[in-house]
Amino acid sequence: MRFKGSTIFVTGGAGFIGSAVVRHLLRDTHARVVNIDKLTYAANPNSLPGAAQNLNY
């Protein structure tokens, strides 16, 4: 499986594009995903529903 055993850091993961990337990685890979976001005006923590419950997040 792709990225198995890997850790992927996503910057801006609460933004429009970043959240789509995070959701894709959590859904389609076995990688550990670390999301780093400054949470400015462009970020929305609600764009990642259920991510906190995922063991790889």
PDB file of N, CA and C in Angstrom:
ATOM      1  N   MET A   1       0.858  -1.182   0.000  1.00  0.00           N
ATOM      2  CA  MET A   1       0.000   0.000   0.000  1.00  0.00           C
ATOM      3  C   MET A   1       0.898   1.238   0.000  1.00  0.00           C
ATOM      4  N   ARG A   2       0.507   2.245  -0.718  1.00  0.00           N
ATOM      5  CA  ARG A   2       1.285   3.480  -0.799  1.00  0.00           C
ATOM      6  C   ARG A   2       1.345   4.180   0.541  1.00  0.00           C
ATOM      7  N   PHE A   3       2.499   4.689   0.868  1.00  0.00           N
ATOM      8  CA  PHE A   3       2.752   5.490   2.064  1.00  0.00           C
ATOM      9  C   PHE A   3       2.633   4.702   3.367  1.00  0.00           C
ATOM     10  N   LYS A   4       2.515   3.394   3.314  1.00  0.00           N
ATOM     11  CA  LYS A   4       2.376   2.613   4.543  1.00  0.00           C
ATOM     12  C   LYS A   4       3.611   2.835   5.415  1.00  0.00           C
ATOM     13  N   GLY A   5       3.388   3.191   6.664  1.00  0.00           N
ATOM     14  CA  GLY A   5       4.474   3.461   7.593  1.00  0.00           C
ATOM     15  C   GLY A   5       5.056   4.857   7.474  1.00  0.00           C
ATOM     16  N   SER A   6       4.523   5.680   6.589  1.00  0.00           N
ATOM     17  CA  SER A   6       5.016   7.044   6.390  1.00  0.00           C
ATOM     18  C   SER A   6       4.253   8.030   7.255  1.00  0.00           C
ATOM     19  N   THR A   7       4.892   9.156   7.500  1.00  0.00           N
ATOM     20  CA  THR A   7       4.224  10.288   8.130  1.00  0.00           C
ATOM     21  C   THR A   7       4.234  11.427   7.124  1.00  0.00           C
ATOM     22  N   ILE A   8       3.074  11.996   6.863  1.00  0.00           N
ATOM     23  CA  ILE A   8       2.948  13.086   5.897  1.00  0.00           C
ATOM     24  C   ILE A   8       2.524  14.341   6.643  1.00  0.00           C
ATOM     25  N   PHE A   9       3.302  15.415   6.487  1.00  0.00           N
ATOM     26  CA  PHE A   9       2.977  16.704   7.082  1.00  0.00           C
ATOM     27  C   PHE A   9       2.254  17.548   6.043  1.00  0.00           C
ATOM     28  N   VAL A  10       1.099  18.075   6.409  1.00  0.00           N
ATOM     29  CA  VAL A  10       0.321  18.935   5.518  1.00  0.00           C
ATOM     30  C   VAL A  10       0.276  20.313   6.153  1.00  0.00           C
ATOM     31  N   THR A  11       0.766  21.318   5.434  1.00  0.00           N
ATOM     32  CA  THR A  11       0.664  22.689   5.926  1.00  0.00           C
ATOM     33  C   THR A  11      -0.583  23.318   5.323  1.00  0.00           C
ATOM     34  N   GLY A  12      -1.320  24.045   6.133  1.00  0.00           N
ATOM     35  CA  GLY A  12      -2.557  24.655   5.663  1.00  0.00           C
ATOM     36  C   GLY A  12      -3.684  23.653   5.532  1.00  0.00           C
ATOM     37  N   GLY A  13      -3.683  22.641   6.361  1.00  0.00           N
ATOM     38  CA  GLY A  13      -4.647  21.559   6.251  1.00  0.00           C
ATOM     39  C   GLY A  13      -6.066  21.897   6.657  1.00  0.00           C
ATOM     40  N   ALA A  14      -6.311  23.090   7.180  1.00  0.00           N
ATOM     41  CA  ALA A  14      -7.680  23.488   7.519  1.00  0.00           C
ATOM     42  C   ALA A  14      -8.258  24.425   6.466  1.00  0.00           C
ATOM     43  N   GLY A  15      -7.488  24.716   5.431  1.00  0.00           N
ATOM     44  CA  GLY A  15      -7.978  25.546   4.336  1.00  0.00           C
ATOM     45  C   GLY A  15      -8.758  24.714   3.328  1.00  0.00           C
ATOM     46  N   PHE A  16      -9.204  25.357   2.270  1.00  0.00           N
ATOM     47  CA  PHE A  16     -10.049  24.692   1.273  1.00  0.00           C
ATOM     48  C   PHE A  16      -9.331  23.525   0.602  1.00  0.00           C
ATOM     49  N   ILE A  17      -8.161  23.792   0.048  1.00  0.00           N
ATOM     50  CA  ILE A  17      -7.418  22.741  -0.653  1.00  0.00           C
ATOM     51  C   ILE A  17      -6.751  21.792   0.336  1.00  0.00           C
ATOM     52  N   GLY A  18      -6.147  22.339   1.380  1.00  0.00           N
ATOM     53  CA  GLY A  18      -5.457  21.504   2.362  1.00  0.00           C
ATOM     54  C   GLY A  18      -6.367  20.498   3.034  1.00  0.00           C
ATOM     55  N   SER A  19      -7.587  20.901   3.346  1.00  0.00           N
ATOM     56  CA  SER A  19      -8.515  19.966   3.995  1.00  0.00           C
ATOM     57  C   SER A  19      -8.904  18.836   3.047  1.00  0.00           C
ATOM     58  N   ALA A  20      -9.004  19.140   1.758  1.00  0.00           N
ATOM     59  CA  ALA A  20      -9.291  18.081   0.779  1.00  0.00           C
ATOM     60  C   ALA A  20      -8.128  17.097   0.703  1.00  0.00           C
ATOM     61  N   VAL A  21      -6.912  17.609   0.787  1.00  0.00           N
ATOM     62  CA  VAL A  21      -5.728  16.743   0.776  1.00  0.00           C
ATOM     63  C   VAL A  21      -5.713  15.858   2.017  1.00  0.00           C
ATOM     64  N   VAL A  22      -5.977  16.446   3.184  1.00  0.00           N
ATOM     65  CA  VAL A  22      -5.993  15.680   4.433  1.00  0.00           C
ATOM     66  C   VAL A  22      -7.063  14.594   4.373  1.00  0.00           C
ATOM     67  N   ARG A  23      -8.255  14.942   3.930  1.00  0.00           N
ATOM     68  CA  ARG A  23      -9.329  13.948   3.837  1.00  0.00           C
ATOM     69  C   ARG A  23      -8.953  12.812   2.891  1.00  0.00           C
ATOM     70  N   HIS A  24      -8.348  13.156   1.762  1.00  0.00           N
ATOM     71  CA  HIS A  24      -7.909  12.134   0.802  1.00  0.00           C
ATOM     72  C   HIS A  24      -6.869  11.210   1.430  1.00  0.00           C
ATOM     73  N   LEU A  25      -5.887  11.773   2.087  1.00  0.00           N
ATOM     74  CA  LEU A  25      -4.832  10.955   2.691  1.00  0.00           C
ATOM     75  C   LEU A  25      -5.385  10.028   3.764  1.00  0.00           C
ATOM     76  N   LEU A  26      -6.290  10.534   4.583  1.00  0.00           N
ATOM     77  CA  LEU A  26      -6.867   9.705   5.642  1.00  0.00           C
ATOM     78  C   LEU A  26      -7.759   8.602   5.076  1.00  0.00           C
ATOM     79  N   ARG A  27      -8.428   8.890   3.980  1.00  0.00           N
ATOM     80  CA  ARG A  27      -9.358   7.926   3.387  1.00  0.00           C
ATOM     81  C   ARG A  27      -8.635   6.877   2.537  1.00  0.00           C
ATOM     82  N   ASP A  28      -7.610   7.294   1.788  1.00  0.00           N
ATOM     83  CA  ASP A  28      -7.043   6.422   0.759  1.00  0.00           C
ATOM     84  C   ASP A  28      -5.632   5.908   1.023  1.00  0.00           C
ATOM     85  N   THR A  29      -5.033   6.247   2.153  1.00  0.00           N
ATOM     86  CA  THR A  29      -3.688   5.751   2.457  1.00  0.00           C
ATOM     87  C   THR A  29      -3.649   5.242   3.895  1.00  0.00           C
ATOM     88  N   HIS A  30      -2.543   4.616   4.234  1.00  0.00           N
ATOM     89  CA  HIS A  30      -2.327   4.164   5.608  1.00  0.00           C
ATOM     90  C   HIS A  30      -1.267   5.020   6.284  1.00  0.00           C
ATOM     91  N   ALA A  31      -1.003   6.190   5.750  1.00  0.00           N
ATOM     92  CA  ALA A  31       0.006   7.081   6.308  1.00  0.00           C
ATOM     93  C   ALA A  31      -0.534   7.804   7.532  1.00  0.00           C
ATOM     94  N   ARG A  32       0.379   8.183   8.404  1.00  0.00           N
ATOM     95  CA  ARG A  32       0.034   9.053   9.526  1.00  0.00           C
ATOM     96  C   ARG A  32       0.035  10.477   8.973  1.00  0.00           C
ATOM     97  N   VAL A  33      -1.000  11.245   9.266  1.00  0.00           N
ATOM     98  CA  VAL A  33      -1.138  12.597   8.720  1.00  0.00           C
ATOM     99  C   VAL A  33      -1.036  13.606   9.855  1.00  0.00           C
ATOM    100  N   VAL A  34      -0.104  14.544   9.709  1.00  0.00           N
ATOM    101  CA  VAL A  34       0.063  15.628  10.672  1.00  0.00           C
ATOM    102  C   VAL A  34      -0.330  16.916   9.965  1.00  0.00           C
ATOM    103  N   ASN A  35      -1.293  17.614  10.524  1.00  0.00           N
ATOM    104  CA  ASN A  35      -1.833  18.832   9.930  1.00  0.00           C
ATOM    105  C   ASN A  35      -1.327  20.039  10.714  1.00  0.00           C
ATOM    106  N   ILE A  36      -0.673  20.955  10.018  1.00  0.00           N
ATOM    107  CA  ILE A  36      -0.177  22.179  10.643  1.00  0.00           C
ATOM    108  C   ILE A  36      -0.864  23.350   9.953  1.00  0.00           C
ATOM    109  N   ASP A  37      -1.594  24.150  10.721  1.00  0.00           N
ATOM    110  CA  ASP A  37      -2.298  25.290  10.145  1.00  0.00           C
ATOM    111  C   ASP A  37      -2.291  26.442  11.143  1.00  0.00           C
ATOM    112  N   LYS A  38      -2.064  27.637  10.653  1.00  0.00           N
ATOM    113  CA  LYS A  38      -2.047  28.829  11.498  1.00  0.00           C
ATOM    114  C   LYS A  38      -3.454  29.267  11.905  1.00  0.00           C
ATOM    115  N   LEU A  39      -4.462  28.742  11.243  1.00  0.00           N
ATOM    116  CA  LEU A  39      -5.868  29.061  11.504  1.00  0.00           C
ATOM    117  C   LEU A  39      -6.152  30.559  11.389  1.00  0.00           C
ATOM    118  N   THR A  40      -5.776  31.120  10.243  1.00  0.00           N
ATOM    119  CA  THR A  40      -6.093  32.516   9.958  1.00  0.00           C
ATOM    120  C   THR A  40      -7.504  32.597   9.376  1.00  0.00           C
ATOM    121  N   TYR A  41      -7.823  33.716   8.766  1.00  0.00           N
ATOM    122  CA  TYR A  41      -9.162  33.945   8.208  1.00  0.00           C
ATOM    123  C   TYR A  41      -9.545  32.904   7.152  1.00  0.00           C
ATOM    124  N   ALA A  42      -8.565  32.311   6.479  1.00  0.00           N
ATOM    125  CA  ALA A  42      -8.854  31.376   5.388  1.00  0.00           C
ATOM    126  C   ALA A  42      -9.069  29.944   5.864  1.00  0.00           C
ATOM    127  N   ALA A  43      -8.786  29.675   7.117  1.00  0.00           N
ATOM    128  CA  ALA A  43      -8.894  28.307   7.636  1.00  0.00           C
ATOM    129  C   ALA A  43     -10.231  28.092   8.332  1.00  0.00           C
ATOM    130  N   ASN A  44     -10.684  26.861   8.280  1.00  0.00           N
ATOM    131  CA  ASN A  44     -11.923  26.496   8.953  1.00  0.00           C
ATOM    132  C   ASN A  44     -11.740  25.119   9.585  1.00  0.00           C
ATOM    133  N   PRO A  45     -11.571  25.052  10.908  1.00  0.00           N
ATOM    134  CA  PRO A  45     -11.370  23.751  11.558  1.00  0.00           C
ATOM    135  C   PRO A  45     -12.533  22.783  11.324  1.00  0.00           C
ATOM    136  N   ASN A  46     -13.710  23.300  11.015  1.00  0.00           N
ATOM    137  CA  ASN A  46     -14.871  22.442  10.760  1.00  0.00           C
ATOM    138  C   ASN A  46     -14.823  21.766   9.390  1.00  0.00           C
ATOM    139  N   SER A  47     -13.798  22.078   8.592  1.00  0.00           N
ATOM    140  CA  SER A  47     -13.691  21.467   7.265  1.00  0.00           C
ATOM    141  C   SER A  47     -13.131  20.047   7.329  1.00  0.00           C
ATOM    142  N   LEU A  48     -12.787  19.587   8.535  1.00  0.00           N
ATOM    143  CA  LEU A  48     -12.249  18.235   8.706  1.00  0.00           C
ATOM    144  C   LEU A  48     -13.104  17.428   9.680  1.00  0.00           C
ATOM    145  N   PRO A  49     -14.356  17.193   9.340  1.00  0.00           N
ATOM    146  CA  PRO A  49     -15.214  16.449  10.268  1.00  0.00           C
ATOM    147  C   PRO A  49     -14.714  15.017  10.448  1.00  0.00           C
ATOM    148  N   GLY A  50     -14.625  14.600  11.681  1.00  0.00           N
ATOM    149  CA  GLY A  50     -14.233  13.232  11.981  1.00  0.00           C
ATOM    150  C   GLY A  50     -12.749  12.946  11.924  1.00  0.00           C
ATOM    151  N   ALA A  51     -11.941  13.907  11.494  1.00  0.00           N
ATOM    152  CA  ALA A  51     -10.503  13.651  11.383  1.00  0.00           C
ATOM    153  C   ALA A  51      -9.880  13.350  12.741  1.00  0.00           C
ATOM    154  N   ALA A  52     -10.307  14.049  13.767  1.00  0.00           N
ATOM    155  CA  ALA A  52      -9.717  13.860  15.095  1.00  0.00           C
ATOM    156  C   ALA A  52      -9.945  12.447  15.630  1.00  0.00           C
ATOM    157  N   GLN A  53     -10.977  11.769  15.157  1.00  0.00           N
ATOM    158  CA  GLN A  53     -11.246  10.406  15.610  1.00  0.00           C
ATOM    159  C   GLN A  53     -10.448   9.359  14.822  1.00  0.00           C
ATOM    160  N   ASN A  54      -9.823   9.774  13.733  1.00  0.00           N
ATOM    161  CA  ASN A  54      -9.032   8.849  12.921  1.00  0.00           C
ATOM    162  C   ASN A  54      -7.694   8.601  13.610  1.00  0.00           C
ATOM    163  N   LEU A  55      -7.317   7.352  13.798  1.00  0.00           N
ATOM    164  CA  LEU A  55      -6.079   7.013  14.504  1.00  0.00           C
ATOM    165  C   LEU A  55      -4.829   7.472  13.769  1.00  0.00           C
ATOM    166  N   ASN A  56      -4.926   7.727  12.474  1.00  0.00           N
ATOM    167  CA  ASN A  56      -3.773   8.186  11.700  1.00  0.00           C
ATOM    168  C   ASN A  56      -3.652   9.701  11.649  1.00  0.00           C
ATOM    169  N   TYR A  57      -4.526  10.408  12.343  1.00  0.00           N
ATOM    170  CA  TYR A  57      -4.504  11.873  12.306  1.00  0.00           C
ATOM    171  C   TYR A  57      -3.841  12.408  13.549  1.00  0.00           C
TER     172      TYR A  57
END
